Amino acid sequence: MEETTIFSKKIITRNKAFFLDLKENPNGKFLKVTESNGEKRSFIFIPEEGLKEFGESIGEIISEHVG
């Protein structure tokens, strides 16, 4: 299935890299989050309809629990 990348961002912290890729395919838009430590990669996929709630939840965690 063909995918188009709409936006990409790379975040490096400690010994890990995180890649945030907003993509689109015939099924719609989704966020692909990749975690890499150089040897192993893990992925999660969040469909477009869950992105707003996901973002709000991350914002809540940061505002209430991160320095």
C-alpha atoms as a PDB file:
ATOM      1  CA  MET A   1       0.000   0.000   0.000  1.00  0.00           C
ATOM      2  CA  GLU A   2       1.477   3.337  -1.044  1.00  0.00           C
ATOM      3  CA  GLU A   3       2.109   5.929   1.677  1.00  0.00           C
ATOM      4  CA  THR A   4       2.833   9.635   1.402  1.00  0.00           C
ATOM      5  CA  THR A   5       4.736  11.452   4.147  1.00  0.00           C
ATOM      6  CA  ILE A   6       3.110  14.779   5.035  1.00  0.00           C
ATOM      7  CA  PHE A   7       5.360  15.801   7.939  1.00  0.00           C
ATOM      8  CA  SER A   8       8.402  14.335   9.729  1.00  0.00           C
ATOM      9  CA  LYS A   9      10.217  15.226  12.927  1.00  0.00           C
ATOM     10  CA  LYS A  10      13.167  13.527  14.638  1.00  0.00           C
ATOM     11  CA  ILE A  11      13.727  13.846  18.385  1.00  0.00           C
ATOM     12  CA  ILE A  12      16.902  12.570  20.045  1.00  0.00           C
ATOM     13  CA  THR A  13      16.998  11.999  23.788  1.00  0.00           C
ATOM     14  CA  ARG A  14      19.578  10.033  25.753  1.00  0.00           C
ATOM     15  CA  ASN A  15      20.379   6.942  23.696  1.00  0.00           C
ATOM     16  CA  LYS A  16      17.138   6.876  21.688  1.00  0.00           C
ATOM     17  CA  ALA A  17      15.752   8.542  18.612  1.00  0.00           C
ATOM     18  CA  PHE A  18      12.049   9.092  18.050  1.00  0.00           C
ATOM     19  CA  PHE A  19      10.620   9.706  14.602  1.00  0.00           C
ATOM     20  CA  LEU A  20       7.188  11.291  14.258  1.00  0.00           C
ATOM     21  CA  ASP A  21       5.839  10.826  10.747  1.00  0.00           C
ATOM     22  CA  LEU A  22       2.420  12.045   9.683  1.00  0.00           C
ATOM     23  CA  LYS A  23       1.505   9.884   6.713  1.00  0.00           C
ATOM     24  CA  GLU A  24      -1.390   9.257   4.398  1.00  0.00           C
ATOM     25  CA  ASN A  25      -2.466   6.199   2.444  1.00  0.00           C
ATOM     26  CA  PRO A  26      -5.744   5.182   0.756  1.00  0.00           C
ATOM     27  CA  ASN A  27      -7.219   4.436   4.209  1.00  0.00           C
ATOM     28  CA  GLY A  28      -6.543   7.992   5.483  1.00  0.00           C
ATOM     29  CA  LYS A  29      -4.011   9.889   7.595  1.00  0.00           C
ATOM     30  CA  PHE A  30      -2.117   8.447  10.551  1.00  0.00           C
ATOM     31  CA  LEU A  31       0.818   9.209  12.814  1.00  0.00           C
ATOM     32  CA  LYS A  32       3.629   6.667  12.816  1.00  0.00           C
ATOM     33  CA  VAL A  33       5.835   6.930  15.908  1.00  0.00           C
ATOM     34  CA  THR A  34       9.125   5.048  15.696  1.00  0.00           C
ATOM     35  CA  GLU A  35      11.473   4.497  18.630  1.00  0.00           C
ATOM     36  CA  SER A  36      15.018   3.441  17.783  1.00  0.00           C
ATOM     37  CA  ASN A  37      18.001   2.714  19.992  1.00  0.00           C
ATOM     38  CA  GLY A  38      20.295   1.910  17.068  1.00  0.00           C
ATOM     39  CA  GLU A  39      19.715  -1.835  17.279  1.00  0.00           C
ATOM     40  CA  LYS A  40      15.980  -2.221  17.650  1.00  0.00           C
ATOM     41  CA  ARG A  41      12.993  -0.282  16.311  1.00  0.00           C
ATOM     42  CA  SER A  42       9.475  -0.201  17.702  1.00  0.00           C
ATOM     43  CA  PHE A  43       6.456   1.372  16.026  1.00  0.00           C
ATOM     44  CA  ILE A  44       3.007   2.602  16.975  1.00  0.00           C
ATOM     45  CA  PHE A  45       0.390   3.869  14.564  1.00  0.00           C
ATOM     46  CA  ILE A  46      -2.313   6.353  15.588  1.00  0.00           C
ATOM     47  CA  PRO A  47      -5.167   6.912  13.130  1.00  0.00           C
ATOM     48  CA  GLU A  48      -6.214  10.476  12.334  1.00  0.00           C
ATOM     49  CA  GLU A  49      -9.429  10.208  14.351  1.00  0.00           C
ATOM     50  CA  GLY A  50      -7.387   9.504  17.524  1.00  0.00           C
ATOM     51  CA  LEU A  51      -4.718  12.182  17.066  1.00  0.00           C
ATOM     52  CA  LYS A  52      -6.538  15.047  18.790  1.00  0.00           C
ATOM     53  CA  GLU A  53      -7.248  13.006  21.930  1.00  0.00           C
ATOM     54  CA  PHE A  54      -3.719  11.600  21.888  1.00  0.00           C
ATOM     55  CA  GLY A  55      -2.247  15.127  21.653  1.00  0.00           C
ATOM     56  CA  GLU A  56      -4.506  16.432  24.417  1.00  0.00           C
ATOM     57  CA  SER A  57      -3.482  13.549  26.670  1.00  0.00           C
ATOM     58  CA  ILE A  58       0.229  14.187  26.040  1.00  0.00           C
ATOM     59  CA  GLY A  59      -0.336  17.885  26.807  1.00  0.00           C
ATOM     60  CA  GLU A  60      -2.120  16.975  30.045  1.00  0.00           C
ATOM     61  CA  ILE A  61       0.709  14.681  31.130  1.00  0.00           C
ATOM     62  CA  ILE A  62       3.296  17.383  30.418  1.00  0.00           C
ATOM     63  CA  SER A  63       1.418  20.210  32.137  1.00  0.00           C
ATOM     64  CA  GLU A  64       0.562  18.192  35.235  1.00  0.00           C
ATOM     65  CA  HIS A  65       3.526  15.881  35.716  1.00  0.00           C
ATOM     66  CA  VAL A  66       6.643  17.201  33.938  1.00  0.00           C
ATOM     67  CA  GLY A  67       8.834  19.945  35.416  1.00  0.00           C
END
